[in-house]
């Protein structure tokens, strides 16, 4: 009987001695398990940044003619964003005829001082579609030239989404219409946007391949 009691006492002592080690092992295992959700949360945080980056990219200029815009300097997209619209256009080599027409009409200050406007800016190639005799006649008639140029300006900043099916009053008081989607838009069903969503200090600019004529 005494020997059995001694064995039981020895087993109890051994079990008591082992208990702290068992608890410590459980505690270590719990630490490893708790770390996993933290890492997963970190991964989720990284993946959630992607939509923000995509949204920023979506607000960039688009269209085939954007490739011809200088990469650096005042005529680049970053450079144009710092200047009011007439000044910004003067730094874009594809808009030299438009800039000359704006100066001829005395509209530089009008455009530069306007707030929150949209300009549909014809390229040099767009003006080249007009027979030279007709273009010279327009450039020599300040009233007619002003009428045409102000027809290219809308008194609000238009986003690409607003161009999908829009009708807008111009500074000339006539109406123009826009249609399209994604990165393909037309104005009055005659002019295509070749480089759109270009930002200047006071305007959104959509460069087009045809001069718009008011009715």
N, C-alpha and C. Protein backbone atom coordinates (compact mmCIF):
# COMPACT_ATOMS: atom_id res chain seq x y z
N UNK A 1 0.84 -1.20 0.00
CA UNK A 1 0.00 0.00 0.00
C UNK A 1 0.87 1.24 0.00
N UNK A 2 1.91 1.26 0.86
CA UNK A 2 2.79 2.43 0.92
C UNK A 2 3.47 2.68 -0.42
N UNK A 3 3.88 1.61 -1.09
CA UNK A 3 4.56 1.76 -2.38
C UNK A 3 3.64 2.35 -3.43
N UNK A 4 2.32 1.99 -3.37
CA UNK A 4 1.39 2.53 -4.34
C UNK A 4 1.19 4.02 -4.11
N UNK A 5 1.11 4.42 -2.82
CA UNK A 5 0.97 5.84 -2.52
C UNK A 5 2.18 6.62 -3.01
N UNK A 6 3.34 6.05 -2.85
CA UNK A 6 4.57 6.72 -3.29
C UNK A 6 4.54 6.94 -4.79
N UNK A 7 4.09 5.87 -5.58
CA UNK A 7 4.01 6.01 -7.04
C UNK A 7 3.04 7.11 -7.45
N UNK A 8 1.85 7.12 -6.77
CA UNK A 8 0.84 8.14 -7.11
C UNK A 8 1.38 9.54 -6.83
N UNK A 9 2.07 9.68 -5.72
CA UNK A 9 2.64 11.00 -5.36
C UNK A 9 3.67 11.42 -6.40
N UNK A 10 4.47 10.48 -6.85
CA UNK A 10 5.51 10.78 -7.85
C UNK A 10 4.88 11.21 -9.15
N UNK A 11 3.77 10.53 -9.57
CA UNK A 11 3.09 10.88 -10.83
C UNK A 11 2.50 12.27 -10.74
N UNK A 12 1.90 12.57 -9.56
CA UNK A 12 1.29 13.90 -9.38
C UNK A 12 2.34 14.99 -9.45
N UNK A 13 3.48 14.77 -8.83
CA UNK A 13 4.57 15.75 -8.86
C UNK A 13 5.06 15.96 -10.28
N UNK A 14 5.22 14.87 -11.04
CA UNK A 14 5.69 14.96 -12.43
C UNK A 14 4.71 15.75 -13.28
N UNK A 15 3.41 15.47 -13.08
CA UNK A 15 2.36 16.18 -13.85
C UNK A 15 2.39 17.66 -13.52
N UNK A 16 2.55 17.99 -12.26
CA UNK A 16 2.60 19.41 -11.85
C UNK A 16 3.80 20.09 -12.45
N UNK A 17 4.91 19.39 -12.51
CA UNK A 17 6.14 19.97 -13.07
C UNK A 17 6.00 20.20 -14.56
N UNK A 18 5.25 19.34 -15.25
CA UNK A 18 5.11 19.47 -16.70
C UNK A 18 4.09 20.53 -17.10
N UNK A 19 3.18 20.92 -16.18
CA UNK A 19 2.09 21.84 -16.52
C UNK A 19 2.58 23.18 -17.05
N UNK A 20 3.57 23.83 -16.43
CA UNK A 20 4.04 25.13 -16.98
C UNK A 20 4.55 25.01 -18.40
N UNK A 21 5.25 23.89 -18.72
CA UNK A 21 5.77 23.71 -20.07
C UNK A 21 4.64 23.57 -21.08
N UNK A 22 3.57 22.86 -20.67
CA UNK A 22 2.42 22.70 -21.57
C UNK A 22 1.75 24.03 -21.83
N UNK A 23 1.59 24.86 -20.78
CA UNK A 23 0.98 26.17 -20.94
C UNK A 23 1.82 27.08 -21.82
N UNK A 24 3.13 26.99 -21.63
CA UNK A 24 4.03 27.81 -22.45
C UNK A 24 3.91 27.43 -23.92
N UNK A 25 3.81 26.12 -24.17
CA UNK A 25 3.69 25.65 -25.56
C UNK A 25 2.40 26.16 -26.18
N UNK A 26 1.31 26.14 -25.40
CA UNK A 26 0.03 26.65 -25.92
C UNK A 26 0.12 28.13 -26.21
N UNK A 27 0.83 28.85 -25.31
CA UNK A 27 0.98 30.31 -25.51
C UNK A 27 1.74 30.62 -26.78
N UNK A 28 2.82 29.90 -27.08
CA UNK A 28 3.61 30.10 -28.29
C UNK A 28 2.78 29.83 -29.53
N UNK A 29 1.97 28.76 -29.48
CA UNK A 29 1.14 28.40 -30.63
C UNK A 29 0.12 29.49 -30.91
N UNK A 30 -0.44 30.08 -29.83
CA UNK A 30 -1.40 31.16 -30.00
C UNK A 30 -0.78 32.36 -30.65
N UNK A 31 0.48 32.68 -30.33
CA UNK A 31 1.17 33.84 -30.92
C UNK A 31 1.31 33.67 -32.41
N UNK A 32 1.66 32.47 -32.87
CA UNK A 32 1.81 32.22 -34.30
C UNK A 32 0.48 32.41 -35.01
N UNK A 33 -0.60 31.95 -34.40
CA UNK A 33 -1.91 32.04 -35.02
C UNK A 33 -2.34 33.49 -35.14
N UNK A 34 -2.07 34.30 -34.11
CA UNK A 34 -2.49 35.70 -34.11
C UNK A 34 -1.74 36.50 -35.15
N UNK A 35 -0.52 36.09 -35.51
CA UNK A 35 0.29 36.85 -36.47
C UNK A 35 -0.27 36.74 -37.87
N UNK A 36 -0.91 35.63 -38.20
CA UNK A 36 -1.38 35.40 -39.57
C UNK A 36 -2.40 36.43 -40.02
N UNK A 37 -3.46 36.75 -39.19
CA UNK A 37 -4.41 37.75 -39.64
C UNK A 37 -3.77 39.10 -39.87
N UNK A 38 -2.76 39.46 -39.07
CA UNK A 38 -2.09 40.75 -39.24
C UNK A 38 -1.42 40.82 -40.60
N UNK A 39 -0.75 39.75 -40.99
CA UNK A 39 -0.10 39.73 -42.29
C UNK A 39 -1.13 39.78 -43.41
N UNK A 40 -2.24 39.06 -43.21
CA UNK A 40 -3.30 39.06 -44.22
C UNK A 40 -3.88 40.45 -44.38
N UNK A 41 -4.05 41.14 -43.23
CA UNK A 41 -4.58 42.50 -43.28
C UNK A 41 -3.64 43.42 -44.04
N UNK A 42 -2.33 43.20 -43.83
CA UNK A 42 -1.35 44.01 -44.55
C UNK A 42 -1.44 43.78 -46.05
N UNK A 43 -1.62 42.53 -46.46
CA UNK A 43 -1.76 42.21 -47.87
C UNK A 43 -3.01 42.85 -48.45
N UNK A 44 -4.10 42.83 -47.65
CA UNK A 44 -5.35 43.42 -48.12
C UNK A 44 -5.18 44.92 -48.31
N UNK A 45 -4.41 45.54 -47.40
CA UNK A 45 -4.16 46.98 -47.52
C UNK A 45 -3.42 47.31 -48.79
N UNK A 46 -2.47 46.44 -49.18
CA UNK A 46 -1.71 46.68 -50.40
C UNK A 46 -2.60 46.55 -51.63
N UNK A 47 -3.45 45.52 -51.65
CA UNK A 47 -4.30 45.31 -52.82
C UNK A 47 -5.34 46.40 -52.96
N UNK A 48 -5.77 47.02 -51.84
CA UNK A 48 -6.79 48.05 -51.92
C UNK A 48 -6.27 49.32 -52.57
N UNK A 49 -4.96 49.47 -52.72
CA UNK A 49 -4.40 50.67 -53.35
C UNK A 49 -4.58 50.64 -54.86
N UNK A 50 -4.81 49.47 -55.42
CA UNK A 50 -4.90 49.35 -56.87
C UNK A 50 -6.01 50.17 -57.50
N UNK A 51 -7.27 50.14 -56.97
CA UNK A 51 -8.31 50.96 -57.58
C UNK A 51 -7.97 52.43 -57.59
N UNK A 52 -7.31 52.93 -56.54
CA UNK A 52 -6.92 54.33 -56.48
C UNK A 52 -5.95 54.66 -57.60
N UNK A 53 -4.98 53.79 -57.81
CA UNK A 53 -4.02 54.00 -58.89
C UNK A 53 -4.72 53.99 -60.24
N UNK A 54 -5.67 53.06 -60.42
CA UNK A 54 -6.40 52.97 -61.68
C UNK A 54 -7.21 54.23 -61.92
N UNK A 55 -7.82 54.76 -60.86
CA UNK A 55 -8.64 55.96 -60.99
C UNK A 55 -7.78 57.14 -61.41
N UNK A 56 -6.56 57.22 -60.85
CA UNK A 56 -5.66 58.30 -61.22
C UNK A 56 -5.27 58.20 -62.69
N UNK A 57 -5.02 56.98 -63.15
CA UNK A 57 -4.65 56.78 -64.54
C UNK A 57 -5.80 57.15 -65.48
N UNK A 58 -7.02 56.84 -65.06
CA UNK A 58 -8.18 57.11 -65.91
C UNK A 58 -8.40 58.59 -66.16
N UNK A 59 -7.83 59.45 -65.32
CA UNK A 59 -8.03 60.89 -65.45
C UNK A 59 -6.93 61.53 -66.30
N UNK A 60 -6.16 60.75 -67.00
CA UNK A 60 -5.06 61.25 -67.81
C UNK A 60 -5.52 61.57 -69.23
N UNK A 61 -4.76 62.38 -69.97
CA UNK A 61 -5.08 62.65 -71.38
C UNK A 61 -5.11 61.35 -72.19
N UNK A 62 -5.93 61.33 -73.24
CA UNK A 62 -6.06 60.13 -74.06
C UNK A 62 -6.21 60.53 -75.52
N UNK A 63 -5.90 59.59 -76.40
CA UNK A 63 -6.08 59.79 -77.83
C UNK A 63 -4.78 59.68 -78.59
N UNK A 64 -4.84 59.35 -79.88
CA UNK A 64 -3.63 59.10 -80.68
C UNK A 64 -2.71 60.31 -80.81
N UNK A 65 -3.26 61.52 -80.84
CA UNK A 65 -2.42 62.70 -81.03
C UNK A 65 -1.67 63.09 -79.75
N UNK A 66 -2.03 62.48 -78.64
CA UNK A 66 -1.33 62.79 -77.37
C UNK A 66 0.14 62.39 -77.45
N UNK A 67 0.45 61.42 -78.31
CA UNK A 67 1.84 60.98 -78.45
C UNK A 67 2.73 62.09 -79.00
N UNK A 68 2.16 63.06 -79.71
CA UNK A 68 2.95 64.15 -80.27
C UNK A 68 3.18 65.30 -79.33
N UNK A 69 2.60 65.25 -78.15
CA UNK A 69 2.79 66.31 -77.17
C UNK A 69 4.18 66.16 -76.54
N UNK A 70 4.93 67.26 -76.40
CA UNK A 70 6.27 67.17 -75.80
C UNK A 70 6.24 66.50 -74.44
N UNK A 71 7.26 65.73 -74.13
CA UNK A 71 7.33 65.02 -72.85
C UNK A 71 7.73 65.93 -71.70
N UNK A 72 8.46 66.99 -72.00
CA UNK A 72 8.94 67.90 -70.96
C UNK A 72 8.75 69.35 -71.41
N UNK A 73 8.85 70.25 -70.44
CA UNK A 73 8.80 71.67 -70.77
C UNK A 73 7.39 72.24 -70.72
N UNK A 74 7.26 73.50 -71.13
CA UNK A 74 5.99 74.21 -71.04
C UNK A 74 4.91 73.60 -71.91
N UNK A 75 5.30 72.93 -73.01
CA UNK A 75 4.32 72.33 -73.91
C UNK A 75 3.91 70.92 -73.54
N UNK A 76 4.49 70.38 -72.48
CA UNK A 76 4.12 69.04 -72.01
C UNK A 76 2.80 69.11 -71.25
N UNK A 77 2.23 67.97 -70.94
CA UNK A 77 0.98 67.96 -70.18
C UNK A 77 1.17 68.61 -68.81
N UNK A 78 2.27 68.32 -68.15
CA UNK A 78 2.53 68.94 -66.85
C UNK A 78 2.73 70.44 -66.99
N UNK A 79 3.42 70.84 -68.03
CA UNK A 79 3.66 72.26 -68.25
C UNK A 79 2.38 73.01 -68.57
N UNK A 80 1.52 72.44 -69.42
CA UNK A 80 0.27 73.08 -69.79
C UNK A 80 -0.66 73.21 -68.59
N UNK A 81 -0.59 72.27 -67.67
CA UNK A 81 -1.46 72.31 -66.49
C UNK A 81 -1.17 73.51 -65.60
N UNK A 82 -0.01 74.11 -65.75
CA UNK A 82 0.37 75.25 -64.90
C UNK A 82 -0.04 76.59 -65.49
N UNK A 83 -0.40 76.63 -66.78
CA UNK A 83 -0.69 77.89 -67.46
C UNK A 83 -2.17 77.99 -67.83
N UNK A 84 -2.70 79.23 -67.92
CA UNK A 84 -4.06 79.39 -68.44
C UNK A 84 -4.10 78.96 -69.89
N UNK A 85 -5.31 78.73 -70.40
CA UNK A 85 -5.47 77.95 -71.63
C UNK A 85 -4.82 78.56 -72.87
N UNK A 86 -4.94 79.87 -73.08
CA UNK A 86 -4.35 80.47 -74.29
C UNK A 86 -2.82 80.39 -74.24
N UNK A 87 -2.27 80.61 -73.06
CA UNK A 87 -0.82 80.50 -72.90
C UNK A 87 -0.37 79.05 -73.08
N UNK A 88 -1.11 78.12 -72.50
CA UNK A 88 -0.78 76.70 -72.63
C UNK A 88 -0.82 76.26 -74.09
N UNK A 89 -1.84 76.71 -74.82
CA UNK A 89 -1.95 76.35 -76.24
C UNK A 89 -0.78 76.88 -77.05
N UNK A 90 -0.29 78.05 -76.68
CA UNK A 90 0.83 78.65 -77.43
C UNK A 90 2.10 77.84 -77.31
N UNK A 91 2.16 76.97 -76.30
CA UNK A 91 3.34 76.12 -76.11
C UNK A 91 3.19 74.74 -76.75
N UNK A 92 2.04 74.51 -77.39
CA UNK A 92 1.80 73.23 -78.06
C UNK A 92 2.01 73.42 -79.56
N UNK A 93 3.00 72.78 -80.15
CA UNK A 93 3.33 73.01 -81.56
C UNK A 93 2.21 72.63 -82.53
N UNK A 94 1.27 71.80 -82.13
CA UNK A 94 0.18 71.39 -83.02
C UNK A 94 -0.96 72.39 -83.07
N UNK A 95 -0.88 73.44 -82.24
CA UNK A 95 -1.98 74.41 -82.14
C UNK A 95 -1.57 75.82 -82.57
N UNK A 96 -0.54 75.92 -83.39
CA UNK A 96 -0.01 77.25 -83.74
C UNK A 96 -1.01 78.10 -84.54
N UNK A 97 -1.77 77.48 -85.45
CA UNK A 97 -2.76 78.24 -86.23
C UNK A 97 -3.88 78.74 -85.32
N UNK A 98 -4.34 77.90 -84.40
CA UNK A 98 -5.37 78.31 -83.45
C UNK A 98 -4.88 79.47 -82.61
N UNK A 99 -3.66 79.40 -82.13
CA UNK A 99 -3.10 80.47 -81.29
C UNK A 99 -3.02 81.77 -82.09
N UNK A 100 -2.60 81.69 -83.35
CA UNK A 100 -2.53 82.89 -84.20
C UNK A 100 -3.92 83.49 -84.39
N UNK A 101 -4.93 82.63 -84.56
CA UNK A 101 -6.31 83.10 -84.73
C UNK A 101 -6.83 83.76 -83.46
N UNK A 102 -6.51 83.17 -82.32
CA UNK A 102 -6.93 83.74 -81.03
C UNK A 102 -6.31 85.12 -80.83
N UNK A 103 -5.05 85.25 -81.17
CA UNK A 103 -4.39 86.55 -81.07
C UNK A 103 -5.02 87.55 -82.04
N UNK A 104 -5.29 87.11 -83.26
CA UNK A 104 -5.89 87.96 -84.29
C UNK A 104 -7.25 88.49 -83.83
N UNK A 105 -8.01 87.65 -83.13
CA UNK A 105 -9.34 88.03 -82.65
C UNK A 105 -9.30 88.81 -81.33
N UNK A 106 -8.12 88.92 -80.73
CA UNK A 106 -8.00 89.63 -79.46
C UNK A 106 -8.63 88.88 -78.29
N UNK A 107 -8.56 87.55 -78.33
CA UNK A 107 -9.22 86.73 -77.31
C UNK A 107 -8.27 86.12 -76.29
N UNK A 108 -7.01 86.48 -76.35
CA UNK A 108 -6.03 85.86 -75.43
C UNK A 108 -6.42 86.12 -73.98
N UNK A 109 -6.64 87.38 -73.62
CA UNK A 109 -6.99 87.71 -72.24
C UNK A 109 -8.34 87.12 -71.85
N UNK A 110 -9.29 87.13 -72.78
CA UNK A 110 -10.61 86.57 -72.50
C UNK A 110 -10.51 85.11 -72.09
N UNK A 111 -9.74 84.34 -72.84
CA UNK A 111 -9.60 82.91 -72.54
C UNK A 111 -8.75 82.67 -71.30
N UNK A 112 -7.68 83.44 -71.16
CA UNK A 112 -6.80 83.24 -70.01
C UNK A 112 -7.46 83.62 -68.69
N UNK A 113 -8.36 84.58 -68.73
CA UNK A 113 -8.99 85.06 -67.50
C UNK A 113 -10.31 84.35 -67.19
N UNK A 114 -10.80 83.54 -68.12
CA UNK A 114 -12.04 82.80 -67.86
C UNK A 114 -11.78 81.71 -66.82
N UNK A 115 -12.83 81.32 -66.13
CA UNK A 115 -12.71 80.29 -65.10
C UNK A 115 -13.53 79.07 -65.48
N UNK A 116 -12.92 77.90 -65.30
CA UNK A 116 -13.62 76.63 -65.48
C UNK A 116 -14.34 76.53 -66.83
N UNK A 117 -13.55 76.49 -67.89
CA UNK A 117 -14.10 76.39 -69.24
C UNK A 117 -13.58 75.12 -69.92
N UNK A 118 -14.22 74.79 -71.03
CA UNK A 118 -13.74 73.71 -71.89
C UNK A 118 -13.48 74.29 -73.27
N UNK A 119 -12.34 73.95 -73.83
CA UNK A 119 -11.97 74.43 -75.17
C UNK A 119 -11.79 73.23 -76.09
N UNK A 120 -12.53 73.25 -77.19
CA UNK A 120 -12.33 72.25 -78.25
C UNK A 120 -11.36 72.91 -79.24
N UNK A 121 -10.12 72.43 -79.22
CA UNK A 121 -9.03 73.11 -79.90
C UNK A 121 -8.67 72.42 -81.22
N UNK A 122 -8.95 73.05 -82.37
CA UNK A 122 -8.58 72.45 -83.65
C UNK A 122 -7.06 72.46 -83.87
N UNK A 123 -6.55 71.40 -84.41
CA UNK A 123 -5.12 71.32 -84.71
C UNK A 123 -4.80 72.13 -85.97
N UNK A 124 -3.52 72.28 -86.24
CA UNK A 124 -3.09 72.92 -87.50
C UNK A 124 -3.64 72.17 -88.70
N UNK A 125 -3.65 70.84 -88.63
CA UNK A 125 -4.19 70.03 -89.74
C UNK A 125 -5.68 70.29 -89.93
N UNK A 126 -6.39 70.58 -88.83
CA UNK A 126 -7.82 70.88 -88.94
C UNK A 126 -8.03 72.18 -89.73
N UNK A 127 -7.23 73.19 -89.44
CA UNK A 127 -7.33 74.46 -90.18
C UNK A 127 -6.91 74.27 -91.63
N UNK A 128 -5.98 73.34 -91.86
CA UNK A 128 -5.50 73.10 -93.23
C UNK A 128 -6.58 72.49 -94.12
N UNK A 129 -7.62 71.93 -93.53
CA UNK A 129 -8.73 71.39 -94.32
C UNK A 129 -9.55 72.51 -94.98
N UNK A 130 -9.47 73.72 -94.42
CA UNK A 130 -10.23 74.85 -94.96
C UNK A 130 -9.46 75.43 -96.14
N UNK A 131 -10.11 75.63 -97.28
CA UNK A 131 -9.40 76.24 -98.41
C UNK A 131 -8.74 77.55 -98.00
N UNK A 132 -7.52 77.77 -98.49
CA UNK A 132 -6.73 78.92 -98.05
C UNK A 132 -7.47 80.24 -98.24
N UNK A 133 -8.15 80.39 -99.35
CA UNK A 133 -8.86 81.64 -99.60
C UNK A 133 -9.94 81.88 -98.54
N UNK A 134 -10.64 80.81 -98.18
CA UNK A 134 -11.69 80.93 -97.15
C UNK A 134 -11.08 81.22 -95.79
N UNK A 135 -9.99 80.56 -95.46
CA UNK A 135 -9.33 80.79 -94.17
C UNK A 135 -8.80 82.21 -94.08
N UNK A 136 -8.19 82.69 -95.15
CA UNK A 136 -7.68 84.07 -95.15
C UNK A 136 -8.82 85.06 -94.95
N UNK A 137 -9.97 84.78 -95.55
CA UNK A 137 -11.14 85.65 -95.41
C UNK A 137 -11.61 85.70 -93.96
N UNK A 138 -11.64 84.53 -93.32
CA UNK A 138 -12.06 84.46 -91.92
C UNK A 138 -11.08 85.20 -91.02
N UNK A 139 -9.79 84.97 -91.24
CA UNK A 139 -8.77 85.62 -90.40
C UNK A 139 -8.79 87.14 -90.56
N UNK A 140 -9.25 87.61 -91.70
CA UNK A 140 -9.30 89.06 -91.94
C UNK A 140 -10.57 89.70 -91.39
N UNK A 141 -11.54 88.90 -91.03
CA UNK A 141 -12.82 89.41 -90.51
C UNK A 141 -12.89 89.11 -89.01
N UNK A 142 -12.58 90.10 -88.18
CA UNK A 142 -12.48 89.88 -86.74
C UNK A 142 -13.79 89.40 -86.14
N UNK A 143 -14.91 89.95 -86.59
CA UNK A 143 -16.21 89.55 -86.04
C UNK A 143 -16.50 88.09 -86.36
N UNK A 144 -16.28 87.70 -87.61
CA UNK A 144 -16.52 86.31 -88.01
C UNK A 144 -15.56 85.37 -87.28
N UNK A 145 -14.30 85.76 -87.16
CA UNK A 145 -13.29 84.95 -86.49
C UNK A 145 -13.66 84.74 -85.02
N UNK A 146 -14.08 85.83 -84.38
CA UNK A 146 -14.50 85.74 -82.97
C UNK A 146 -15.69 84.81 -82.82
N UNK A 147 -16.62 84.91 -83.75
CA UNK A 147 -17.81 84.06 -83.73
C UNK A 147 -17.41 82.58 -83.79
N UNK A 148 -16.49 82.24 -84.68
CA UNK A 148 -16.06 80.85 -84.84
C UNK A 148 -15.28 80.37 -83.63
N UNK A 149 -14.36 81.18 -83.15
CA UNK A 149 -13.51 80.76 -82.03
C UNK A 149 -14.31 80.58 -80.74
N UNK A 150 -15.21 81.50 -80.45
CA UNK A 150 -15.99 81.38 -79.21
C UNK A 150 -16.98 80.22 -79.28
N UNK A 151 -17.28 79.75 -80.51
CA UNK A 151 -18.13 78.57 -80.65
C UNK A 151 -17.41 77.31 -80.18
N UNK A 152 -16.10 77.38 -80.07
CA UNK A 152 -15.30 76.23 -79.61
C UNK A 152 -15.14 76.20 -78.09
N UNK A 153 -15.80 77.12 -77.38
CA UNK A 153 -15.59 77.24 -75.94
C UNK A 153 -16.92 77.06 -75.20
N UNK A 154 -16.89 76.18 -74.20
CA UNK A 154 -18.06 75.94 -73.34
C UNK A 154 -17.75 76.47 -71.95
N UNK A 155 -18.73 77.09 -71.32
CA UNK A 155 -18.50 77.75 -70.03
C UNK A 155 -18.51 76.86 -68.82
N UNK A 156 -18.04 75.65 -68.95
CA UNK A 156 -17.88 74.73 -67.82
C UNK A 156 -16.82 73.70 -68.18
N UNK A 157 -16.20 73.11 -67.16
CA UNK A 157 -15.22 72.05 -67.41
C UNK A 157 -15.96 70.74 -67.65
N UNK A 158 -15.78 70.19 -68.83
CA UNK A 158 -16.46 68.95 -69.19
C UNK A 158 -15.53 67.75 -69.02
N UNK A 159 -16.03 66.73 -68.37
CA UNK A 159 -15.29 65.48 -68.23
C UNK A 159 -15.57 64.59 -69.43
N UNK A 160 -14.73 63.59 -69.69
CA UNK A 160 -15.02 62.67 -70.79
C UNK A 160 -16.39 62.01 -70.67
N UNK A 161 -16.81 61.70 -69.45
CA UNK A 161 -18.12 61.06 -69.27
C UNK A 161 -19.25 61.97 -69.74
N UNK A 162 -19.09 63.28 -69.57
CA UNK A 162 -20.13 64.22 -70.00
C UNK A 162 -20.22 64.32 -71.53
N UNK A 163 -19.17 63.90 -72.21
CA UNK A 163 -19.18 63.96 -73.67
C UNK A 163 -19.90 62.78 -74.31
N UNK A 164 -20.27 61.79 -73.53
CA UNK A 164 -20.83 60.57 -74.10
C UNK A 164 -22.12 60.84 -74.87
N UNK A 165 -22.92 61.75 -74.39
CA UNK A 165 -24.16 62.12 -75.09
C UNK A 165 -24.59 63.48 -74.56
N UNK A 166 -23.89 64.53 -75.00
CA UNK A 166 -24.10 65.85 -74.42
C UNK A 166 -24.51 66.91 -75.42
N UNK A 167 -25.10 67.96 -74.88
CA UNK A 167 -25.46 69.14 -75.67
C UNK A 167 -25.13 70.35 -74.80
N UNK A 168 -24.29 71.25 -75.31
CA UNK A 168 -23.77 72.33 -74.48
C UNK A 168 -23.83 73.67 -75.19
N UNK A 169 -24.15 74.70 -74.42
CA UNK A 169 -24.15 76.06 -74.97
C UNK A 169 -22.72 76.59 -74.97
N UNK A 170 -22.33 77.24 -76.03
CA UNK A 170 -20.97 77.78 -76.16
C UNK A 170 -20.96 79.26 -75.80
N UNK A 171 -19.77 79.82 -75.71
CA UNK A 171 -19.65 81.26 -75.45
C UNK A 171 -20.22 82.08 -76.60
N UNK A 172 -20.30 81.48 -77.77
CA UNK A 172 -20.87 82.15 -78.93
C UNK A 172 -22.41 82.13 -78.87
N UNK A 173 -22.94 81.38 -77.88
CA UNK A 173 -24.38 81.22 -77.62
C UNK A 173 -25.03 80.16 -78.50
N UNK A 174 -24.28 79.57 -79.42
CA UNK A 174 -24.80 78.45 -80.18
C UNK A 174 -24.63 77.16 -79.38
N UNK A 175 -25.22 76.08 -79.86
CA UNK A 175 -25.15 74.79 -79.19
C UNK A 175 -24.25 73.83 -79.99
N UNK A 176 -23.50 73.04 -79.26
CA UNK A 176 -22.76 71.95 -79.91
C UNK A 176 -23.10 70.65 -79.19
N UNK A 177 -22.96 69.55 -79.91
CA UNK A 177 -23.29 68.24 -79.35
C UNK A 177 -22.06 67.34 -79.35
N UNK A 178 -22.03 66.43 -78.41
CA UNK A 178 -20.92 65.48 -78.31
C UNK A 178 -21.48 64.07 -78.15
N UNK A 179 -20.79 63.12 -78.72
CA UNK A 179 -21.19 61.71 -78.60
C UNK A 179 -19.93 60.85 -78.50
N UNK A 180 -20.11 59.63 -78.02
CA UNK A 180 -18.99 58.69 -77.97
C UNK A 180 -18.90 57.98 -76.65
N UNK A 181 -17.81 57.25 -76.46
CA UNK A 181 -17.57 56.53 -75.21
C UNK A 181 -16.10 56.15 -75.15
N UNK A 182 -15.70 55.71 -73.96
CA UNK A 182 -14.32 55.28 -73.72
C UNK A 182 -13.35 56.39 -74.12
N UNK A 183 -12.60 56.22 -75.21
CA UNK A 183 -11.66 57.25 -75.64
C UNK A 183 -11.94 57.68 -77.08
N UNK A 184 -13.18 57.49 -77.54
CA UNK A 184 -13.56 57.87 -78.90
C UNK A 184 -14.78 58.78 -78.85
N UNK A 185 -14.55 60.07 -79.13
CA UNK A 185 -15.63 61.05 -79.05
C UNK A 185 -15.68 61.90 -80.31
N UNK A 186 -16.89 62.34 -80.64
CA UNK A 186 -17.08 63.26 -81.76
C UNK A 186 -17.84 64.50 -81.29
N UNK A 187 -17.57 65.60 -81.99
CA UNK A 187 -18.25 66.86 -81.71
C UNK A 187 -19.02 67.24 -82.97
N UNK A 188 -20.32 67.47 -82.80
CA UNK A 188 -21.21 67.81 -83.92
C UNK A 188 -21.17 66.78 -85.05
N UNK A 189 -20.77 65.57 -84.72
CA UNK A 189 -20.69 64.47 -85.71
C UNK A 189 -19.73 64.78 -86.86
N UNK A 190 -18.89 65.78 -86.68
CA UNK A 190 -17.94 66.14 -87.76
C UNK A 190 -16.49 66.12 -87.30
N UNK A 191 -16.25 66.42 -86.04
CA UNK A 191 -14.88 66.50 -85.52
C UNK A 191 -14.63 65.39 -84.52
N UNK A 192 -13.48 64.75 -84.63
CA UNK A 192 -13.09 63.70 -83.69
C UNK A 192 -12.09 64.26 -82.68
N UNK A 193 -12.23 63.82 -81.44
CA UNK A 193 -11.26 64.19 -80.41
C UNK A 193 -10.02 63.33 -80.61
N UNK A 194 -8.88 63.97 -80.86
CA UNK A 194 -7.64 63.22 -81.12
C UNK A 194 -6.71 63.22 -79.92
N UNK A 195 -6.93 64.14 -78.99
CA UNK A 195 -6.20 64.13 -77.72
C UNK A 195 -7.09 64.85 -76.71
N UNK A 196 -7.69 64.08 -75.82
CA UNK A 196 -8.69 64.64 -74.92
C UNK A 196 -8.27 64.67 -73.47
N UNK A 197 -9.04 65.43 -72.69
CA UNK A 197 -8.85 65.53 -71.24
C UNK A 197 -7.49 66.13 -70.89
N UNK A 198 -7.08 67.12 -71.68
CA UNK A 198 -5.83 67.84 -71.40
C UNK A 198 -6.15 68.97 -70.43
N UNK A 199 -5.42 69.04 -69.33
CA UNK A 199 -5.71 70.01 -68.28
C UNK A 199 -4.82 71.25 -68.42
N UNK A 200 -5.43 72.43 -68.28
CA UNK A 200 -4.67 73.67 -68.12
C UNK A 200 -5.11 74.28 -66.79
N UNK A 201 -4.54 75.42 -66.43
CA UNK A 201 -4.84 76.01 -65.13
C UNK A 201 -6.31 76.38 -64.99
N UNK A 202 -6.97 76.70 -66.11
CA UNK A 202 -8.37 77.15 -66.01
C UNK A 202 -9.32 76.43 -66.96
N UNK A 203 -8.85 75.38 -67.63
CA UNK A 203 -9.70 74.75 -68.64
C UNK A 203 -9.38 73.28 -68.83
N UNK A 204 -10.38 72.56 -69.34
CA UNK A 204 -10.16 71.23 -69.90
C UNK A 204 -10.13 71.40 -71.42
N UNK A 205 -9.17 70.78 -72.07
CA UNK A 205 -8.99 70.96 -73.51
C UNK A 205 -9.18 69.62 -74.21
N UNK A 206 -9.95 69.65 -75.29
CA UNK A 206 -10.11 68.48 -76.16
C UNK A 206 -9.64 68.90 -77.55
N UNK A 207 -8.52 68.35 -77.96
CA UNK A 207 -7.94 68.70 -79.26
C UNK A 207 -8.69 67.92 -80.34
N UNK A 208 -9.17 68.63 -81.38
CA UNK A 208 -10.01 68.02 -82.40
C UNK A 208 -9.39 68.16 -83.79
N UNK A 209 -9.88 67.33 -84.71
CA UNK A 209 -9.25 67.27 -86.04
C UNK A 209 -10.00 68.07 -87.12
N UNK A 210 -11.04 68.80 -86.73
CA UNK A 210 -11.82 69.58 -87.68
C UNK A 210 -12.31 70.87 -87.00
N UNK A 211 -12.29 71.97 -87.72
CA UNK A 211 -12.79 73.24 -87.20
C UNK A 211 -14.31 73.20 -87.16
N UNK A 212 -14.89 73.59 -86.02
CA UNK A 212 -16.34 73.61 -85.87
C UNK A 212 -16.90 74.93 -86.43
N UNK A 213 -17.99 74.82 -87.13
CA UNK A 213 -18.62 76.01 -87.69
C UNK A 213 -20.00 76.23 -87.07
N UNK A 214 -20.23 77.40 -86.47
CA UNK A 214 -21.54 77.66 -85.89
C UNK A 214 -22.61 77.81 -86.98
N UNK A 215 -23.83 77.50 -86.63
CA UNK A 215 -24.92 77.61 -87.60
C UNK A 215 -25.31 79.08 -87.77
